[in-house]
């Protein structure tokens, strides 16, 4: 038989109050999340720079020009769709009745 008190009979006291821990975590979360996002953004930027260094200058120039052309293409497409919707809405607009037009 051992002389130690069995664990189930010992009373364990909290070293730190749970409310204090919860409060510390609540206060630290926004800062930690902002720090994490900032570091992830920086990591992606650095990865992009590393990959870019593998590509020849001419390829980078042509890729940039192709991207700009693609953006302009989408811009023109969306503008034409918007213009078409506006024209259709104008045609479908019901003119208010005037006093002399009543039957």
Protein backbone atom coordinates (compact mmCIF):
# COMPACT_ATOMS: atom_id res chain seq x y z
CA UNK A 1 0.00 0.00 0.00
CA UNK A 2 1.24 3.47 -0.81
CA UNK A 3 1.39 6.44 1.48
CA UNK A 4 0.38 8.94 -1.19
CA UNK A 5 -3.12 10.34 -1.17
CA UNK A 6 -5.09 9.04 -4.12
CA UNK A 7 -5.65 11.63 -6.86
CA UNK A 8 -9.41 11.43 -6.63
CA UNK A 9 -9.31 12.54 -3.01
CA UNK A 10 -7.07 15.57 -3.55
CA UNK A 11 -8.60 18.95 -4.08
CA UNK A 12 -7.06 20.80 -7.00
CA UNK A 13 -7.12 24.55 -6.89
CA UNK A 14 -7.12 26.64 -10.04
CA UNK A 15 -3.85 28.45 -10.58
CA UNK A 16 -5.53 31.02 -12.82
CA UNK A 17 -9.15 31.98 -12.88
CA UNK A 18 -10.86 30.86 -16.11
CA UNK A 19 -12.45 34.28 -16.55
CA UNK A 20 -9.00 35.88 -16.62
CA UNK A 21 -7.83 33.47 -19.32
CA UNK A 22 -10.94 34.07 -21.42
CA UNK A 23 -10.46 37.83 -21.16
CA UNK A 24 -6.80 37.60 -22.18
CA UNK A 25 -7.68 35.44 -25.18
CA UNK A 26 -10.46 37.83 -26.25
CA UNK A 27 -8.06 40.76 -26.10
CA UNK A 28 -5.28 38.93 -27.93
CA UNK A 29 -7.40 37.44 -30.74
CA UNK A 30 -7.84 40.53 -32.95
CA UNK A 31 -4.14 41.35 -32.64
CA UNK A 32 -3.12 37.77 -33.37
CA UNK A 33 -5.46 37.54 -36.36
CA UNK A 34 -4.20 40.83 -37.78
CA UNK A 35 -0.62 39.67 -37.29
CA UNK A 36 -1.38 36.35 -38.99
CA UNK A 37 -3.06 38.01 -41.98
CA UNK A 38 -0.21 40.48 -42.32
CA UNK A 39 2.39 37.72 -42.31
CA UNK A 40 0.43 35.60 -44.79
CA UNK A 41 0.10 38.58 -47.15
CA UNK A 42 3.83 39.24 -46.91
CA UNK A 43 4.58 35.54 -47.53
CA UNK A 44 2.43 35.56 -50.67
CA UNK A 45 4.10 38.73 -51.92
CA UNK A 46 7.54 37.23 -51.37
CA UNK A 47 6.51 33.98 -53.07
CA UNK A 48 5.26 36.00 -56.03
CA UNK A 49 8.56 37.84 -56.22
CA UNK A 50 10.49 34.56 -56.08
CA UNK A 51 8.44 33.04 -58.90
CA UNK A 52 8.69 36.24 -60.91
CA UNK A 53 12.48 36.06 -60.77
CA UNK A 54 12.35 32.77 -62.70
CA UNK A 55 10.50 34.36 -65.62
CA UNK A 56 12.25 36.30 -68.39
CA UNK A 57 11.58 40.04 -68.59
CA UNK A 58 9.86 39.74 -72.00
CA UNK A 59 7.47 37.11 -70.64
CA UNK A 60 6.60 39.37 -67.71
CA UNK A 61 5.94 42.31 -70.06
CA UNK A 62 3.72 40.26 -72.39
CA UNK A 63 1.87 38.68 -69.47
CA UNK A 64 1.17 42.11 -68.00
CA UNK A 65 -0.10 43.37 -71.37
CA UNK A 66 -2.28 40.27 -71.80
CA UNK A 67 -3.77 40.76 -68.34
CA UNK A 68 -4.58 44.41 -69.09
CA UNK A 69 -6.25 43.43 -72.38
CA UNK A 70 -8.28 40.77 -70.58
CA UNK A 71 -9.45 43.30 -67.98
CA UNK A 72 -10.43 45.74 -70.74
CA UNK A 73 -12.33 42.98 -72.52
CA UNK A 74 -14.34 42.17 -69.41
CA UNK A 75 -14.92 45.87 -68.76
CA UNK A 76 -16.33 46.34 -72.27
CA UNK A 77 -18.48 43.22 -71.92
CA UNK A 78 -19.95 44.33 -68.60
CA UNK A 79 -20.54 47.88 -69.87
CA UNK A 80 -22.39 46.57 -72.93
CA UNK A 81 -24.54 44.33 -70.72
CA UNK A 82 -25.34 47.27 -68.44
CA UNK A 83 -26.19 49.46 -71.44
CA UNK A 84 -28.45 46.73 -72.81
CA UNK A 85 -30.25 46.42 -69.47
CA UNK A 86 -30.72 50.18 -69.28
CA UNK A 87 -32.07 50.33 -72.86
CA UNK A 88 -34.50 47.49 -72.14
CA UNK A 89 -35.64 49.17 -68.93
CA UNK A 90 -36.19 52.45 -70.79
CA UNK A 91 -38.29 50.68 -73.46
CA UNK A 92 -40.33 48.89 -70.82
CA UNK A 93 -40.98 52.05 -68.84
CA UNK A 94 -44.67 52.92 -68.67
CA UNK A 95 -45.39 56.55 -69.33
CA UNK A 96 -47.63 58.18 -66.73
CA UNK A 97 -51.09 59.03 -67.98
CA UNK A 98 -51.79 62.67 -68.69
CA UNK A 99 -55.14 64.30 -67.90
CA UNK A 100 -56.10 64.51 -71.62
CA UNK A 101 -55.28 60.85 -72.33
CA UNK A 102 -57.97 59.33 -70.10
CA UNK A 103 -60.66 57.31 -71.88
